[in-house]
Structure formats: structure tokens, C-alpha cells
Amino acid sequence: MGLGFESQRDHKSPADGGAFPLYISRMPFMYIIYSGKLNKYYVGACIDLKRLLYEHNIGHSKFTSTGVPWEIKHTEEFATLRDAKTREMEIKRKKSRRYIESLIS
């Protein structure tokens, strides 16, 4: 079985109260994570922020696997996932590290 979501069901996740203690609701989020190893930010949108961080830090995504460990730097909560993805794309279209860092500070 590959690294798809199906394969993750059987894993004991830090998202169940382990290594990433965060207050997380099941609302849609736009998030910005940072890798000190790569000195890069990654912008995305999701519903389960704990699971998302866990998956980025186990190498689930090809891009983010090279930057482990990732840490959450900024989140914005939205009423719908569509709104969160719209905000994600708005930030990505700017292609500006300076803009991302202004959101974080």
C-alpha cells in the first residue's frame, strides 16, 4: 500500500495527543508552515490541522518530506474549505516571502 490516506489509518498518530500539542478544531484552515532546514514556507489549506502537520512531518508529501521538521507559523480559520483554499491561492499568487512573513509577525 502506498502513502495515500488509506495507509495512514493504521498508524498511531501524534495527532491523537502526542508530539504536537495544539488547540485544533475541525474547522477549515489556511495554514503556513516553516522548515528551518530548508528555510522555506509552505502554504496550504485543510480541515484537520493536527493530521496535516503530522503528515508533513512523516514525509507524506514529496515536497515537504525534504524539510522535516515543519512547524506551524500562521493559521486562519474559515467557515468553508473553499474559503480557506481561496485564501491559500491568494497568498500563493503573491509569490512573496515578505508578505508571508508580514502575516506571521
C-alpha atoms as a PDB file:
ATOM      1  CA  MET A   1       0.000   0.000   0.000  1.00  0.00           C
ATOM      2  CA  GLY A   2       1.303   3.487  -0.866  1.00  0.00           C
ATOM      3  CA  LEU A   3       1.444   6.662   1.139  1.00  0.00           C
ATOM      4  CA  GLY A   4      -2.212   7.517   0.455  1.00  0.00           C
ATOM      5  CA  PHE A   5      -4.653   8.369   3.203  1.00  0.00           C
ATOM      6  CA  GLU A   6      -5.781   4.724   3.364  1.00  0.00           C
ATOM      7  CA  SER A   7      -2.332   3.645   4.520  1.00  0.00           C
ATOM      8  CA  GLN A   8      -2.359   6.180   7.320  1.00  0.00           C
ATOM      9  CA  ARG A   9      -5.407   4.697   9.076  1.00  0.00           C
ATOM     10  CA  ASP A  10      -3.403   2.027  10.880  1.00  0.00           C
ATOM     11  CA  HIS A  11      -0.668   4.321  12.142  1.00  0.00           C
ATOM     12  CA  LYS A  12      -0.600   5.595  15.705  1.00  0.00           C
ATOM     13  CA  SER A  13      -0.574   9.323  15.141  1.00  0.00           C
ATOM     14  CA  PRO A  14       0.862  12.058  17.351  1.00  0.00           C
ATOM     15  CA  ALA A  15      -2.346  13.810  16.290  1.00  0.00           C
ATOM     16  CA  ASP A  16      -4.080  11.665  18.904  1.00  0.00           C
ATOM     17  CA  GLY A  17      -2.470  13.603  21.733  1.00  0.00           C
ATOM     18  CA  GLY A  18       1.223  13.055  21.065  1.00  0.00           C
ATOM     19  CA  ALA A  19       4.073  15.215  19.866  1.00  0.00           C
ATOM     20  CA  PHE A  20       2.229  18.274  18.541  1.00  0.00           C
ATOM     21  CA  PRO A  21       0.147  19.791  21.351  1.00  0.00           C
ATOM     22  CA  LEU A  22      -2.108  22.338  19.662  1.00  0.00           C
ATOM     23  CA  TYR A  23      -5.664  23.523  20.130  1.00  0.00           C
ATOM     24  CA  ILE A  24      -7.296  22.304  16.956  1.00  0.00           C
ATOM     25  CA  SER A  25     -10.906  22.351  15.857  1.00  0.00           C
ATOM     26  CA  ARG A  26     -12.298  20.580  12.823  1.00  0.00           C
ATOM     27  CA  MET A  27     -12.921  23.876  11.023  1.00  0.00           C
ATOM     28  CA  PRO A  28     -11.250  24.650   7.690  1.00  0.00           C
ATOM     29  CA  PHE A  29      -7.906  26.421   7.938  1.00  0.00           C
ATOM     30  CA  MET A  30      -5.422  28.139   5.721  1.00  0.00           C
ATOM     31  CA  TYR A  31      -2.014  27.436   7.214  1.00  0.00           C
ATOM     32  CA  ILE A  32       1.599  28.434   6.793  1.00  0.00           C
ATOM     33  CA  ILE A  33       4.284  26.033   7.967  1.00  0.00           C
ATOM     34  CA  TYR A  34       8.019  26.642   8.071  1.00  0.00           C
ATOM     35  CA  SER A  35      11.078  24.421   7.676  1.00  0.00           C
ATOM     36  CA  GLY A  36      14.255  25.712   9.286  1.00  0.00           C
ATOM     37  CA  LYS A  37      16.172  23.022   7.416  1.00  0.00           C
ATOM     38  CA  LEU A  38      15.090  24.436   4.027  1.00  0.00           C
ATOM     39  CA  ASN A  39      14.439  27.998   5.225  1.00  0.00           C
ATOM     40  CA  LYS A  40      11.140  27.798   3.320  1.00  0.00           C
ATOM     41  CA  TYR A  41       7.465  28.367   3.974  1.00  0.00           C
ATOM     42  CA  TYR A  42       4.661  26.160   2.716  1.00  0.00           C
ATOM     43  CA  VAL A  43       1.103  27.475   2.356  1.00  0.00           C
ATOM     44  CA  GLY A  44      -1.895  25.156   2.291  1.00  0.00           C
ATOM     45  CA  ALA A  45      -5.500  24.594   3.355  1.00  0.00           C
ATOM     46  CA  CYS A  46      -7.068  21.723   5.288  1.00  0.00           C
ATOM     47  CA  ILE A  47      -9.722  20.701   7.786  1.00  0.00           C
ATOM     48  CA  ASP A  48      -7.623  18.674  10.235  1.00  0.00           C
ATOM     49  CA  LEU A  49      -4.599  20.770  11.160  1.00  0.00           C
ATOM     50  CA  LYS A  50      -3.136  18.234  13.585  1.00  0.00           C
ATOM     51  CA  ARG A  51      -3.215  15.474  10.979  1.00  0.00           C
ATOM     52  CA  LEU A  52      -1.824  17.807   8.352  1.00  0.00           C
ATOM     53  CA  LEU A  53       1.213  18.686  10.464  1.00  0.00           C
ATOM     54  CA  TYR A  54       1.733  15.030  11.312  1.00  0.00           C
ATOM     55  CA  GLU A  55       1.640  14.038   7.625  1.00  0.00           C
ATOM     56  CA  HIS A  56       4.075  16.778   6.597  1.00  0.00           C
ATOM     57  CA  ASN A  57       6.468  15.665   9.325  1.00  0.00           C
ATOM     58  CA  ILE A  58       6.416  11.966   8.367  1.00  0.00           C
ATOM     59  CA  GLY A  59       7.212  12.761   4.737  1.00  0.00           C
ATOM     60  CA  HIS A  60       3.726  12.151   3.306  1.00  0.00           C
ATOM     61  CA  SER A  61       4.219  14.896   0.695  1.00  0.00           C
ATOM     62  CA  LYS A  62       7.174  14.713  -1.701  1.00  0.00           C
ATOM     63  CA  PHE A  63       7.977  18.426  -1.324  1.00  0.00           C
ATOM     64  CA  THR A  64       7.619  18.667   2.432  1.00  0.00           C
ATOM     65  CA  SER A  65       9.481  15.398   3.113  1.00  0.00           C
ATOM     66  CA  THR A  66      12.761  17.182   2.398  1.00  0.00           C
ATOM     67  CA  GLY A  67      12.114  19.855   5.022  1.00  0.00           C
ATOM     68  CA  VAL A  68      11.241  17.844   8.119  1.00  0.00           C
ATOM     69  CA  PRO A  69      10.609  19.088  10.758  1.00  0.00           C
ATOM     70  CA  TRP A  70       7.898  21.597   9.840  1.00  0.00           C
ATOM     71  CA  GLU A  71       6.291  23.928  12.349  1.00  0.00           C
ATOM     72  CA  ILE A  72       3.060  25.876  12.130  1.00  0.00           C
ATOM     73  CA  LYS A  73       3.729  29.611  11.907  1.00  0.00           C
ATOM     74  CA  HIS A  74       0.311  31.010  10.984  1.00  0.00           C
ATOM     75  CA  THR A  75      -3.297  29.848  10.661  1.00  0.00           C
ATOM     76  CA  GLU A  76      -6.550  31.475   9.628  1.00  0.00           C
ATOM     77  CA  GLU A  77      -9.882  29.764  10.280  1.00  0.00           C
ATOM     78  CA  PHE A  78     -12.718  29.843   7.720  1.00  0.00           C
ATOM     79  CA  ALA A  79     -16.363  28.812   7.502  1.00  0.00           C
ATOM     80  CA  THR A  80     -15.750  26.580   4.463  1.00  0.00           C
ATOM     81  CA  LEU A  81     -12.815  24.713   2.958  1.00  0.00           C
ATOM     82  CA  ARG A  82     -13.459  26.563  -0.277  1.00  0.00           C
ATOM     83  CA  ASP A  83     -12.856  29.887   1.512  1.00  0.00           C
ATOM     84  CA  ALA A  84      -9.648  28.527   3.058  1.00  0.00           C
ATOM     85  CA  LYS A  85      -8.400  27.351  -0.351  1.00  0.00           C
ATOM     86  CA  THR A  86      -9.259  30.732  -1.870  1.00  0.00           C
ATOM     87  CA  ARG A  87      -7.129  32.425   0.785  1.00  0.00           C
ATOM     88  CA  GLU A  88      -4.321  29.891   0.198  1.00  0.00           C
ATOM     89  CA  MET A  89      -4.305  30.738  -3.517  1.00  0.00           C
ATOM     90  CA  GLU A  90      -4.410  34.477  -2.780  1.00  0.00           C
ATOM     91  CA  ILE A  91      -1.226  34.153  -0.725  1.00  0.00           C
ATOM     92  CA  LYS A  92       0.476  31.868  -3.246  1.00  0.00           C
ATOM     93  CA  ARG A  93      -0.310  34.231  -6.146  1.00  0.00           C
ATOM     94  CA  LYS A  94       1.610  36.993  -4.387  1.00  0.00           C
ATOM     95  CA  LYS A  95       4.786  34.858  -4.531  1.00  0.00           C
ATOM     96  CA  SER A  96       6.177  36.986  -1.747  1.00  0.00           C
ATOM     97  CA  ARG A  97       8.151  35.753   1.222  1.00  0.00           C
ATOM     98  CA  ARG A  98       7.961  39.281   2.621  1.00  0.00           C
ATOM     99  CA  TYR A  99       4.140  39.123   2.552  1.00  0.00           C
ATOM    100  CA  ILE A 100       4.129  35.714   4.288  1.00  0.00           C
ATOM    101  CA  GLU A 101       6.486  36.998   6.969  1.00  0.00           C
ATOM    102  CA  SER A 102       4.260  40.064   7.482  1.00  0.00           C
ATOM    103  CA  LEU A 103       1.344  37.718   8.207  1.00  0.00           C
ATOM    104  CA  ILE A 104       3.402  35.805  10.754  1.00  0.00           C
ATOM    105  CA  SER A 105       4.733  38.805  12.661  1.00  0.00           C
END
